[in-house]
N, C-alpha and C. Protein backbone atom coordinates (compact mmCIF):
# COMPACT_ATOMS: atom_id res chain seq x y z
N UNK A 1 -5.87 -7.60 -6.03
CA UNK A 1 -5.30 -8.69 -6.33
C UNK A 1 -4.19 -8.62 -7.04
N UNK A 2 -4.29 -7.71 -8.02
CA UNK A 2 -3.42 -7.74 -9.02
C UNK A 2 -2.02 -6.85 -8.24
N UNK A 3 -2.36 -6.25 -7.74
CA UNK A 3 -0.74 -5.36 -6.46
C UNK A 3 -0.59 -6.47 -5.76
N UNK A 4 -1.15 -7.70 -5.01
CA UNK A 4 -0.42 -8.00 -4.48
C UNK A 4 0.67 -9.35 -5.45
N UNK A 5 -0.01 -9.46 -6.52
CA UNK A 5 1.16 -10.18 -7.69
C UNK A 5 2.12 -9.13 -7.95
N UNK A 6 1.84 -8.27 -8.46
CA UNK A 6 2.79 -7.09 -8.73
C UNK A 6 4.04 -7.18 -7.49
N UNK A 7 3.56 -6.81 -6.39
CA UNK A 7 4.29 -7.02 -5.27
C UNK A 7 5.23 -8.09 -5.04
N UNK A 8 4.35 -9.05 -5.14
CA UNK A 8 5.32 -10.67 -5.14
C UNK A 8 6.19 -10.68 -6.18
N UNK A 9 5.98 -10.35 -7.36
CA UNK A 9 6.31 -10.33 -8.43
C UNK A 9 7.97 -9.68 -8.38
N UNK A 10 7.75 -8.39 -7.80
CA UNK A 10 8.85 -7.50 -7.54
C UNK A 10 9.90 -7.81 -6.69
N UNK A 11 9.10 -8.61 -5.69
CA UNK A 11 10.21 -8.87 -4.54
C UNK A 11 10.83 -10.32 -5.21
N UNK A 12 10.33 -10.98 -5.77
CA UNK A 12 10.77 -12.23 -6.47
C UNK A 12 12.27 -11.90 -7.07
N UNK A 13 11.99 -10.44 -8.04
CA UNK A 13 12.94 -10.08 -8.72
C UNK A 13 14.21 -9.25 -7.90
N UNK A 14 13.68 -8.53 -6.73
CA UNK A 14 14.61 -7.88 -5.99
C UNK A 14 15.89 -9.00 -5.29
N UNK A 15 15.14 -10.17 -4.89
CA UNK A 15 15.68 -11.19 -4.55
C UNK A 15 16.86 -11.85 -5.23
N UNK A 16 16.43 -12.03 -6.72
CA UNK A 16 17.15 -12.34 -7.70
C UNK A 16 18.50 -11.37 -7.57
N UNK A 17 17.99 -10.06 -7.71
CA UNK A 17 18.98 -9.12 -7.70
C UNK A 17 20.13 -9.39 -6.37
N UNK A 18 19.27 -9.16 -5.38
CA UNK A 18 20.41 -9.23 -4.37
C UNK A 18 21.19 -11.09 -4.32
N UNK A 19 20.47 -11.71 -5.10
CA UNK A 19 21.23 -13.26 -4.98
C UNK A 19 22.77 -12.98 -5.88
N UNK A 20 22.45 -12.16 -7.01
CA UNK A 20 23.30 -11.80 -8.05
C UNK A 20 24.67 -11.11 -7.41
N UNK A 21 24.14 -10.17 -6.68
CA UNK A 21 25.00 -9.00 -6.08
C UNK A 21 25.82 -9.89 -5.10
N UNK A 22 25.19 -10.65 -4.17
CA UNK A 22 26.13 -11.47 -3.37
C UNK A 22 27.04 -12.48 -3.81
N UNK A 23 26.53 -13.25 -5.18
CA UNK A 23 27.49 -13.98 -6.24
C UNK A 23 28.55 -12.97 -6.36
N UNK A 24 28.53 -11.68 -6.87
CA UNK A 24 29.69 -10.69 -7.48
C UNK A 24 30.38 -10.77 -5.96
N UNK A 25 30.07 -10.61 -4.90
CA UNK A 25 30.64 -10.53 -3.69
C UNK A 25 31.27 -11.48 -3.55
N UNK A 26 31.16 -12.89 -3.57
CA UNK A 26 31.72 -13.87 -3.53
C UNK A 26 32.68 -14.52 -4.80
N UNK A 27 32.30 -13.62 -5.82
CA UNK A 27 33.07 -14.00 -7.11
C UNK A 27 32.71 -15.18 -7.60
N UNK A 28 31.34 -15.57 -7.35
CA UNK A 28 30.82 -16.57 -8.12
C UNK A 28 29.83 -16.19 -9.15
N UNK A 29 29.82 -15.15 -9.46
CA UNK A 29 29.10 -14.36 -10.64
C UNK A 29 30.09 -13.81 -11.43
N UNK A 30 30.05 -14.20 -12.77
CA UNK A 30 30.73 -14.12 -13.64
C UNK A 30 30.39 -12.74 -14.63
N UNK A 31 31.02 -11.78 -14.88
CA UNK A 31 30.77 -10.57 -15.61
C UNK A 31 30.37 -10.94 -17.22
N UNK A 32 30.39 -11.94 -17.48
CA UNK A 32 30.47 -12.00 -19.23
C UNK A 32 29.09 -12.48 -19.72
N UNK A 33 28.73 -12.30 -20.88
CA UNK A 33 27.45 -12.03 -21.51
C UNK A 33 26.47 -13.39 -20.99
N UNK A 34 27.36 -14.75 -21.10
CA UNK A 34 26.75 -16.24 -20.59
C UNK A 34 25.72 -16.00 -19.26
N UNK A 35 26.70 -15.27 -18.26
CA UNK A 35 26.26 -15.04 -16.96
C UNK A 35 25.06 -14.32 -16.71
N UNK A 36 25.17 -13.00 -17.62
CA UNK A 36 24.24 -11.87 -17.77
C UNK A 36 22.73 -12.66 -18.38
N UNK A 37 22.93 -13.49 -19.53
CA UNK A 37 22.04 -14.05 -19.97
C UNK A 37 21.15 -15.33 -19.09
N UNK A 38 22.02 -15.71 -18.15
CA UNK A 38 21.32 -16.84 -17.33
C UNK A 38 20.70 -16.02 -16.40
N UNK A 39 21.30 -15.02 -15.66
CA UNK A 39 20.34 -14.06 -14.85
C UNK A 39 19.21 -13.83 -15.58
N UNK A 40 19.17 -13.24 -16.68
CA UNK A 40 17.75 -12.72 -17.40
C UNK A 40 16.59 -13.95 -17.54
N UNK A 41 17.58 -15.03 -18.11
CA UNK A 41 16.54 -16.09 -18.24
C UNK A 41 15.70 -16.35 -16.78
N UNK A 42 16.58 -16.04 -15.91
CA UNK A 42 15.99 -16.52 -14.61
C UNK A 42 14.80 -16.13 -14.19
N UNK A 43 14.85 -14.36 -14.58
CA UNK A 43 14.03 -13.75 -14.34
C UNK A 43 12.79 -13.36 -14.96
N UNK A 44 11.44 -13.72 -14.17
CA UNK A 44 10.43 -13.98 -14.89
C UNK A 44 9.97 -12.82 -15.95
N UNK A 45 9.48 -13.10 -17.08
CA UNK A 45 9.19 -12.57 -18.14
C UNK A 45 8.18 -11.35 -17.78
N UNK A 46 8.75 -10.21 -17.31
CA UNK A 46 8.07 -9.26 -16.89
C UNK A 46 8.64 -7.85 -17.57
N UNK A 47 9.43 -8.19 -18.67
CA UNK A 47 10.08 -6.88 -19.14
C UNK A 47 11.03 -6.04 -18.53
N UNK A 48 11.51 -6.54 -17.49
CA UNK A 48 12.53 -5.61 -16.62
C UNK A 48 13.95 -6.55 -16.48
N UNK A 49 13.76 -7.83 -17.05
CA UNK A 49 15.31 -8.63 -17.14
C UNK A 49 16.25 -7.62 -17.49
N UNK A 50 16.30 -7.12 -18.83
CA UNK A 50 17.26 -6.67 -19.38
C UNK A 50 17.92 -5.51 -18.70
N UNK A 51 16.91 -4.96 -17.93
CA UNK A 51 17.16 -3.65 -17.11
C UNK A 51 17.83 -4.22 -16.07
N UNK A 52 17.54 -5.19 -15.25
CA UNK A 52 18.07 -5.54 -14.31
C UNK A 52 19.58 -6.13 -14.81
N UNK A 53 19.83 -6.71 -15.46
CA UNK A 53 21.10 -7.14 -16.20
C UNK A 53 22.19 -6.00 -16.64
N UNK A 54 21.25 -5.06 -16.87
CA UNK A 54 22.18 -3.56 -17.20
C UNK A 54 22.63 -3.14 -15.74
N UNK A 55 21.64 -3.04 -14.84
CA UNK A 55 22.31 -2.65 -13.49
C UNK A 55 22.91 -3.14 -12.97
N UNK A 56 23.07 -4.82 -13.21
CA UNK A 56 24.18 -5.60 -12.32
C UNK A 56 25.20 -5.17 -13.42
N UNK A 57 25.41 -5.26 -14.62
CA UNK A 57 26.58 -4.88 -15.02
C UNK A 57 27.14 -3.59 -14.65
N UNK A 58 26.44 -2.32 -14.39
CA UNK A 58 26.62 -1.40 -13.91
C UNK A 58 27.24 -1.25 -12.61
N UNK A 59 26.64 -2.14 -11.85
CA UNK A 59 27.26 -2.58 -10.32
C UNK A 59 28.61 -3.00 -10.35
N UNK A 60 28.88 -3.93 -11.20
CA UNK A 60 29.79 -4.57 -11.36
C UNK A 60 31.13 -3.38 -11.64
N UNK A 61 31.00 -2.76 -12.79
CA UNK A 61 31.89 -1.88 -12.99
C UNK A 61 32.35 -0.68 -12.04
N UNK A 62 31.04 -0.54 -11.15
CA UNK A 62 31.73 0.15 -9.79
C UNK A 62 32.27 -0.56 -9.26
N UNK A 63 32.21 -1.87 -8.78
CA UNK A 63 33.01 -2.64 -7.79
C UNK A 63 34.29 -3.00 -8.27
N UNK A 64 34.13 -3.36 -9.63
CA UNK A 64 35.43 -3.31 -9.98
C UNK A 64 36.12 -4.84 -9.58
N UNK A 65 37.49 -4.78 -9.39
CA UNK A 65 37.93 -5.96 -8.86
C UNK A 65 38.07 -6.27 -7.50
N UNK A 66 37.76 -5.01 -6.78
CA UNK A 66 37.86 -5.09 -5.13
C UNK A 66 36.67 -6.21 -4.72
N UNK A 67 36.80 -6.53 -3.29
CA UNK A 67 35.61 -7.41 -2.68
C UNK A 67 34.75 -5.69 -2.12
N UNK A 68 33.54 -6.27 -2.05
CA UNK A 68 32.83 -5.00 -1.53
C UNK A 68 31.25 -5.19 -1.94
N UNK A 69 30.60 -4.49 -2.00
CA UNK A 69 29.03 -4.78 -1.88
C UNK A 69 28.56 -3.35 -3.14
N UNK A 70 27.73 -3.47 -3.68
CA UNK A 70 27.14 -2.26 -4.51
C UNK A 70 25.59 -2.54 -4.28
N UNK A 71 24.60 -1.49 -3.87
CA UNK A 71 23.52 -1.90 -4.07
C UNK A 71 22.70 -0.71 -4.93
N UNK A 72 21.72 -0.89 -5.66
CA UNK A 72 20.91 -0.13 -6.47
C UNK A 72 19.56 -0.08 -6.34
N UNK A 73 18.56 1.00 -5.95
CA UNK A 73 17.37 1.06 -5.42
C UNK A 73 16.63 1.88 -6.54
N UNK A 74 15.81 1.67 -7.17
CA UNK A 74 15.11 2.56 -8.16
C UNK A 74 13.77 2.27 -8.08
N UNK A 75 13.18 3.53 -8.31
CA UNK A 75 11.67 3.33 -8.42
C UNK A 75 11.00 4.63 -9.06
N UNK A 76 9.51 4.15 -9.21
CA UNK A 76 8.94 5.01 -10.10
C UNK A 76 7.20 5.17 -8.93
N UNK A 77 6.81 6.31 -9.14
CA UNK A 77 5.64 6.77 -8.37
C UNK A 77 4.50 7.33 -9.23
N UNK A 78 3.15 6.91 -9.65
CA UNK A 78 2.56 7.69 -10.76
C UNK A 78 1.39 8.15 -9.53
N UNK A 79 1.37 9.19 -9.34
CA UNK A 79 0.05 9.72 -8.50
C UNK A 79 -1.46 9.85 -9.31
N UNK A 80 -2.35 10.48 -8.46
CA UNK A 80 -3.79 10.05 -9.30
C UNK A 80 -3.77 10.86 -10.25
N UNK A 81 -3.09 12.37 -10.10
CA UNK A 81 -3.06 13.27 -10.96
C UNK A 81 -2.54 12.78 -12.57
N UNK A 82 -1.80 11.94 -12.10
CA UNK A 82 -1.02 10.89 -13.48
C UNK A 82 0.33 11.18 -13.77
N UNK A 83 0.95 11.85 -13.08
CA UNK A 83 2.45 12.56 -13.14
C UNK A 83 3.32 11.30 -12.46
N UNK A 84 4.45 11.22 -13.09
CA UNK A 84 5.43 10.06 -12.92
C UNK A 84 6.35 10.56 -11.98
N UNK A 85 6.88 10.08 -10.95
CA UNK A 85 8.32 10.96 -10.49
C UNK A 85 8.91 9.54 -10.36
N UNK A 86 10.08 9.35 -10.34
CA UNK A 86 11.15 8.39 -10.49
C UNK A 86 12.20 9.16 -9.11
N UNK A 87 13.01 7.82 -8.90
CA UNK A 87 13.97 7.91 -7.81
C UNK A 87 15.06 6.76 -8.04
N UNK A 88 16.37 7.00 -7.67
CA UNK A 88 17.25 6.17 -7.69
C UNK A 88 18.11 6.52 -6.67
N UNK A 89 18.58 5.51 -5.81
CA UNK A 89 19.71 5.39 -4.69
C UNK A 89 20.68 4.58 -4.86
N UNK A 90 22.03 4.98 -4.92
CA UNK A 90 22.93 3.97 -5.20
C UNK A 90 23.66 3.96 -3.84
N UNK A 91 23.82 2.87 -3.17
CA UNK A 91 24.68 2.77 -1.97
C UNK A 91 25.93 1.90 -1.88
N UNK A 92 26.59 1.75 -1.27
CA UNK A 92 28.08 0.60 -1.30
C UNK A 92 28.57 0.52 0.18
N UNK A 93 29.32 -0.66 0.44
CA UNK A 93 29.87 -0.75 1.40
C UNK A 93 30.98 0.36 2.00
N UNK A 94 31.26 1.22 1.10
CA UNK A 94 32.22 2.31 1.28
C UNK A 94 31.33 3.41 2.32
N UNK A 95 30.27 3.21 2.19
CA UNK A 95 29.41 4.24 2.95
C UNK A 95 29.11 3.85 4.03
N UNK A 96 29.25 2.49 4.44
CA UNK A 96 28.87 1.93 5.77
C UNK A 96 29.29 2.90 6.91
N UNK A 97 30.80 2.65 6.94
CA UNK A 97 31.21 3.75 8.27
C UNK A 97 30.70 4.65 8.64
N UNK A 98 30.42 5.79 7.39
CA UNK A 98 29.86 7.12 7.53
C UNK A 98 28.59 6.92 8.12
N UNK A 99 27.77 6.08 7.66
CA UNK A 99 26.38 5.78 8.13
C UNK A 99 26.50 5.77 9.55
N UNK A 100 27.12 4.43 9.57
CA UNK A 100 27.21 3.92 11.16
C UNK A 100 28.10 5.05 12.38
N UNK A 101 28.13 5.91 11.82
CA UNK A 101 29.08 6.90 12.86
C UNK A 101 27.92 8.41 13.06
N UNK A 102 26.94 8.05 12.03
CA UNK A 102 25.73 8.97 12.07
C UNK A 102 25.11 9.27 13.39
N UNK A 103 24.86 10.15 14.16
CA UNK A 103 24.47 10.13 15.39
C UNK A 103 22.82 10.35 15.35
N UNK A 104 22.54 10.45 13.84
CA UNK A 104 20.68 10.56 13.78
C UNK A 104 20.39 9.26 13.48
N UNK A 105 21.32 8.20 13.46
CA UNK A 105 20.90 6.99 12.94
C UNK A 105 19.88 5.98 13.74
N UNK A 106 20.25 6.16 15.22
CA UNK A 106 18.88 5.66 15.81
C UNK A 106 17.69 6.49 15.54
N UNK A 107 17.83 7.25 15.65
CA UNK A 107 16.78 8.21 15.45
C UNK A 107 15.98 7.68 14.43
N UNK A 108 16.72 7.76 13.04
CA UNK A 108 15.93 7.22 12.13
C UNK A 108 15.25 5.82 12.01
N UNK A 109 16.26 5.27 12.71
CA UNK A 109 15.77 3.79 12.95
C UNK A 109 14.36 3.67 13.91
N UNK A 110 14.56 4.64 14.84
CA UNK A 110 13.30 4.43 15.56
C UNK A 110 12.15 4.90 14.86
N UNK A 111 12.07 5.77 14.09
CA UNK A 111 11.08 6.59 13.20
C UNK A 111 10.32 5.41 12.38
N UNK A 112 11.13 4.39 11.31
CA UNK A 112 10.63 3.86 10.71
C UNK A 112 10.46 2.37 11.38
N UNK A 113 10.74 1.89 12.52
CA UNK A 113 10.50 0.71 13.25
C UNK A 113 9.21 0.57 13.45
N UNK A 114 8.23 1.30 13.85
CA UNK A 114 7.08 1.36 13.91
C UNK A 114 6.27 0.55 13.16
N UNK A 115 5.62 -0.41 13.30
CA UNK A 115 4.76 -0.88 12.39
C UNK A 115 3.72 -0.01 11.84
N UNK A 116 3.04 0.54 12.82
CA UNK A 116 1.83 1.72 12.46
C UNK A 116 2.40 2.92 11.72
N UNK A 117 3.61 3.12 11.62
CA UNK A 117 3.96 4.18 10.68
C UNK A 117 4.16 3.88 9.66
N UNK A 118 4.49 2.52 9.11
CA UNK A 118 4.87 1.76 8.07
C UNK A 118 3.21 1.86 7.44
N UNK A 119 2.32 1.43 8.37
CA UNK A 119 1.04 0.95 7.70
C UNK A 119 0.41 2.56 7.47
N UNK A 120 0.52 3.56 8.13
CA UNK A 120 0.03 4.71 7.73
C UNK A 120 0.51 5.06 6.43
N UNK A 121 2.24 5.03 6.07
CA UNK A 121 2.81 5.80 5.10
C UNK A 121 2.18 4.70 3.85
N UNK A 122 1.87 3.25 4.11
CA UNK A 122 1.17 2.42 2.71
C UNK A 122 -0.25 2.99 2.79
N UNK A 123 -1.08 3.25 3.43
CA UNK A 123 -2.26 4.02 3.15
C UNK A 123 -2.33 5.29 2.36
N UNK A 124 -1.38 6.12 3.15
CA UNK A 124 -1.31 6.98 2.05
C UNK A 124 -0.60 7.03 0.88
N UNK A 125 0.39 6.01 0.50
CA UNK A 125 0.76 5.73 -0.70
C UNK A 125 -0.32 4.96 -1.53
N UNK A 126 -1.09 4.14 -1.13
CA UNK A 126 -2.05 3.74 -1.97
C UNK A 126 -3.22 4.37 -2.30
N UNK A 127 -3.36 5.45 -1.94
CA UNK A 127 -4.30 6.63 -2.18
C UNK A 127 -5.23 7.11 -0.98
N UNK A 128 -5.33 6.77 0.07
CA UNK A 128 -5.90 7.17 1.20
C UNK A 128 -5.30 8.58 1.73
N UNK A 129 -5.75 9.78 0.77
CA UNK A 129 -5.03 10.98 1.26
C UNK A 129 -5.79 12.02 2.26
N UNK A 130 -7.02 11.51 2.55
CA UNK A 130 -7.82 12.21 3.77
C UNK A 130 -7.54 11.71 4.94
N UNK A 131 -7.76 12.40 5.78
CA UNK A 131 -7.25 12.04 7.33
C UNK A 131 -8.17 10.58 7.68
N UNK A 132 -9.48 10.93 7.42
CA UNK A 132 -10.58 9.61 7.80
C UNK A 132 -10.03 8.13 7.29
N UNK A 133 -9.85 8.54 5.93
CA UNK A 133 -9.63 7.23 5.11
C UNK A 133 -8.41 6.79 5.43
N UNK A 134 -7.08 7.78 5.40
CA UNK A 134 -5.97 7.00 5.78
C UNK A 134 -6.08 6.45 7.17
N UNK A 135 -6.92 7.20 8.26
CA UNK A 135 -6.99 6.60 9.61
C UNK A 135 -7.56 4.99 9.31
N UNK A 136 -8.51 5.00 8.63
CA UNK A 136 -9.25 3.87 8.70
C UNK A 136 -8.63 2.71 7.98
N UNK A 137 -7.95 3.10 6.88
CA UNK A 137 -6.88 2.01 6.01
C UNK A 137 -5.73 1.37 6.91
N UNK A 138 -5.26 2.68 7.73
CA UNK A 138 -4.09 2.36 8.71
C UNK A 138 -4.37 1.56 9.91
N UNK A 139 -5.95 1.44 10.20
CA UNK A 139 -6.16 0.75 11.33
C UNK A 139 -5.72 1.64 12.93
N UNK A 140 -5.45 2.88 12.64
CA UNK A 140 -5.14 3.67 13.75
C UNK A 140 -6.09 4.26 14.37
N UNK A 141 -5.97 4.34 15.86
CA UNK A 141 -6.96 5.18 16.49
C UNK A 141 -6.51 6.73 16.03
N UNK A 142 -7.56 7.61 16.30
CA UNK A 142 -6.97 9.17 15.82
C UNK A 142 -5.88 9.58 16.62
N UNK A 143 -5.75 9.25 18.04
CA UNK A 143 -4.42 10.06 18.69
C UNK A 143 -3.25 8.99 17.80
N UNK A 144 -3.24 8.00 17.62
CA UNK A 144 -2.19 7.23 17.24
C UNK A 144 -1.91 7.98 15.51
N UNK A 145 -2.77 8.04 15.18
CA UNK A 145 -2.72 8.42 13.73
C UNK A 145 -2.09 9.99 13.48
N UNK A 146 -2.61 10.83 14.62
CA UNK A 146 -2.05 12.20 14.49
C UNK A 146 -0.39 12.21 14.65
N UNK A 147 -0.27 11.21 15.98
CA UNK A 147 0.74 11.30 16.46
C UNK A 147 2.09 10.75 15.61
N UNK A 148 1.70 9.65 14.54
CA UNK A 148 2.60 9.24 13.77
C UNK A 148 2.81 9.97 12.58
N UNK A 149 1.42 10.64 12.25
CA UNK A 149 1.53 11.68 11.10
C UNK A 149 2.36 12.91 11.29
N UNK A 150 2.51 13.36 12.60
CA UNK A 150 3.17 14.66 12.91
C UNK A 150 4.65 13.81 12.93
N UNK A 151 5.37 12.60 13.23
CA UNK A 151 6.54 12.20 13.10
C UNK A 151 7.07 12.11 11.58
N UNK A 152 6.21 11.40 11.10
CA UNK A 152 6.16 11.31 9.32
C UNK A 152 6.63 12.44 8.95
N UNK A 153 5.67 13.67 8.92
CA UNK A 153 5.88 14.95 8.65
C UNK A 153 6.97 15.65 8.79
N UNK A 154 7.46 15.29 10.38
CA UNK A 154 8.80 16.01 10.65
C UNK A 154 9.95 15.38 9.75
N UNK A 155 9.74 14.02 9.70
CA UNK A 155 11.00 13.78 8.93
C UNK A 155 11.05 13.69 7.43
N UNK A 156 10.05 14.50 6.96
CA UNK A 156 9.89 15.08 5.64
C UNK A 156 9.36 13.58 4.87
N UNK A 157 8.95 12.62 5.43
CA UNK A 157 8.46 11.69 4.54
C UNK A 157 6.89 11.81 4.20
N UNK A 158 6.28 12.59 4.94
CA UNK A 158 4.61 12.63 4.27
C UNK A 158 4.56 14.16 4.24
N UNK A 159 3.97 14.77 3.30
CA UNK A 159 3.79 16.38 3.14
C UNK A 159 2.29 16.43 3.46
N UNK A 160 1.50 17.92 3.85
CA UNK A 160 0.21 17.99 3.95
C UNK A 160 0.06 18.77 2.39
N UNK A 161 -0.92 18.31 1.81
CA UNK A 161 -1.34 18.95 0.69
C UNK A 161 -2.44 20.36 0.78
N UNK A 162 -3.45 20.05 1.62
CA UNK A 162 -4.31 20.79 1.68
C UNK A 162 -4.86 20.70 3.15
N UNK A 163 -5.91 21.22 3.64
CA UNK A 163 -6.30 21.11 5.46
C UNK A 163 -6.16 19.64 5.64
N UNK A 164 -7.03 18.92 5.05
CA UNK A 164 -7.03 17.64 5.42
C UNK A 164 -6.63 16.57 4.49
N UNK A 165 -5.59 16.70 3.56
CA UNK A 165 -5.25 15.92 2.65
C UNK A 165 -3.61 15.69 2.70
N UNK A 166 -3.13 14.58 2.68
CA UNK A 166 -1.74 14.35 2.98
C UNK A 166 -1.25 13.34 1.68
N UNK A 167 -0.12 13.41 1.43
CA UNK A 167 0.44 12.66 0.72
C UNK A 167 2.07 12.08 1.10
N UNK A 168 2.51 11.01 0.65
CA UNK A 168 4.12 10.67 0.82
C UNK A 168 4.62 11.34 0.20
N UNK A 169 5.79 11.87 0.43
CA UNK A 169 6.70 12.65 -0.32
C UNK A 169 7.76 11.56 -1.27
N UNK A 170 8.59 11.65 -1.97
CA UNK A 170 9.20 10.57 -2.57
C UNK A 170 10.25 10.13 -1.64
N UNK A 171 10.79 10.89 -0.87
CA UNK A 171 11.57 10.34 0.06
C UNK A 171 10.72 9.04 0.88
N UNK A 172 9.58 9.63 1.33
CA UNK A 172 8.92 8.63 2.07
C UNK A 172 8.45 7.38 1.42
N UNK A 173 8.04 7.58 -0.20
CA UNK A 173 7.67 6.41 -0.81
C UNK A 173 8.93 5.32 -0.95
N UNK A 174 9.88 5.89 -1.23
CA UNK A 174 11.37 5.36 -1.70
C UNK A 174 11.62 4.74 -0.07
N UNK A 175 11.38 5.17 0.99
CA UNK A 175 11.89 4.87 2.09
C UNK A 175 10.63 3.65 2.55
N UNK A 176 9.42 3.63 2.35
CA UNK A 176 8.50 2.71 2.67
C UNK A 176 8.88 1.54 1.81
N UNK A 177 9.29 1.38 0.67
CA UNK A 177 9.25 0.39 -0.15
C UNK A 177 10.60 -0.01 -0.16
N UNK A 178 11.89 0.70 -0.05
CA UNK A 178 12.95 -0.06 0.57
C UNK A 178 13.12 -1.01 1.64
N UNK A 179 12.21 -0.28 2.67
CA UNK A 179 12.28 -1.23 3.75
C UNK A 179 11.49 -2.27 4.00
N UNK A 180 10.23 -2.11 3.28
CA UNK A 180 9.41 -3.28 2.83
C UNK A 180 10.10 -4.29 2.45
N UNK A 181 10.75 -4.06 1.17
CA UNK A 181 11.46 -4.95 0.46
C UNK A 181 12.41 -5.51 1.09
N UNK A 182 13.44 -5.11 1.94
CA UNK A 182 14.12 -5.70 2.80
C UNK A 182 13.74 -6.25 3.74
N UNK A 183 12.59 -5.92 4.63
CA UNK A 183 11.78 -6.65 5.43
C UNK A 183 11.52 -7.97 4.53
N UNK A 184 10.80 -8.06 3.58
CA UNK A 184 10.56 -9.50 2.97
C UNK A 184 11.50 -9.81 2.90
N UNK A 185 12.79 -9.62 2.33
CA UNK A 185 13.91 -10.32 1.88
C UNK A 185 14.65 -11.03 3.04
N UNK A 186 14.82 -10.48 4.12
CA UNK A 186 14.93 -10.77 5.74
C UNK A 186 14.30 -12.02 5.92
N UNK A 187 13.27 -11.64 6.14
CA UNK A 187 11.96 -12.63 6.47
C UNK A 187 12.17 -14.00 5.95
N UNK A 188 12.61 -14.02 4.50
CA UNK A 188 12.37 -15.03 3.68
C UNK A 188 14.10 -16.25 4.19
N UNK A 189 15.06 -15.56 4.56
CA UNK A 189 15.88 -16.05 5.12
C UNK A 189 16.84 -16.54 3.90
N UNK A 190 17.90 -17.09 4.42
CA UNK A 190 18.83 -17.75 3.17
C UNK A 190 18.66 -19.19 3.16
N UNK A 191 18.54 -19.87 2.34
CA UNK A 191 18.30 -21.22 2.14
C UNK A 191 19.47 -21.98 2.90
N UNK A 192 19.41 -23.18 3.41
CA UNK A 192 20.43 -23.83 3.85
C UNK A 192 21.31 -24.17 2.89
N UNK A 193 22.66 -24.87 2.74
CA UNK A 193 23.50 -25.33 1.81
C UNK A 193 22.91 -26.38 1.15
N UNK A 194 22.88 -26.27 -0.04
CA UNK A 194 22.37 -27.22 -0.58
C UNK A 194 20.98 -27.33 -1.17
N UNK A 195 20.21 -26.39 -0.01
CA UNK A 195 18.85 -26.42 -0.20
C UNK A 195 18.41 -25.14 -1.36
N UNK A 196 17.44 -25.59 -2.22
CA UNK A 196 17.00 -24.74 -3.36
C UNK A 196 15.84 -24.00 -3.01
N UNK A 197 15.36 -22.59 -3.40
CA UNK A 197 14.37 -21.75 -2.99
C UNK A 197 13.34 -22.15 -3.89
């Protein structure tokens, strides 16, 4: 139950970050301390409000005075052995043309567009490392499981640890949570003019 609250809480903070970035793009978010303090005050008291405000300041410096978009994705994963691994990805509107010309883009979209693959990645990320347990948690048949597992392995999102043990790579974990956060954000939609969330 705590996991659902944490994911919901994180989603709310990501939405606030995205809204603040949209404000930056529209020019309605001022970079001064008062605006930053307002953002931090709006952030639930989870201890990351200051980190979010610092990330926004950093993105605003990168954006400068030009119109555009800057996105920062950070994460941490602690494995069952207790080792923590972190990642950080920066993306901006300046990279969009290059990404859209990439011939592998559609293949990448196809790879992650399967709900079954996302469920399998989640099963592995949540500790189901053996085939039987991951198959059970993901709700996949044996054929589906191995089909999707091979595709995820080929893309470098999952790695085989031993004969029957698998785990998501940092690339796979980052992709899973980035995709799910984006889907959750998109699924909520934008509020109508004058409507409050």
